[in-house]
């Protein structure tokens, strides 16, 4: 299998027919997945880049693995962003999110990794990533990450308000034992 080295870490390329050629996956030597850029997450040109609009993506099949217990964690991942010139391609994003399936990472680390990879890939004006994880051990975790590009200060107020909204939502979340 061909190998790729990034910042001193080795990533292996799967060439097996069951995986698309060019996708990168789990490497026993690093126990980490390749970055989005190397997972071939694709971008499309934003043909209406002059206009500000948001794009929202909901991924209902996100799975990661607890680094302590090795148990699977299931989540809905919500990605919202205001693009510049590049927009993420949904099929490659799905494959990228699927790459977390065997990675042993905490929920917060997964959402931060997704956000950082998408920022490197697209350079959006604004981006937020939220994980809505299913409860395990009676505890639900809802990590939230947002980002504002330095040259877009007009979105700082939105970022602050969104963080406050997430904190308020957590404090007001209803407990339901009847489902």
Foldseek 3Di string as FASTA:
>chain_A
DDWDADPRDIWDFDPDPVDPGQATAADPVVLDTDFLVSRCFDKDFDPPLVDWDKDKDKDQAAWAAALPPRHIKGWIKIKMFTFHGIDTDVVSVNVVSVRRNYRHDDPQVSQVRVVVSVCVVTVTQKMKMWIFIDDDPNDTDIHIDMDGDPVNCVCVVVVVVVVVVVVVCVVPPDDDPPD
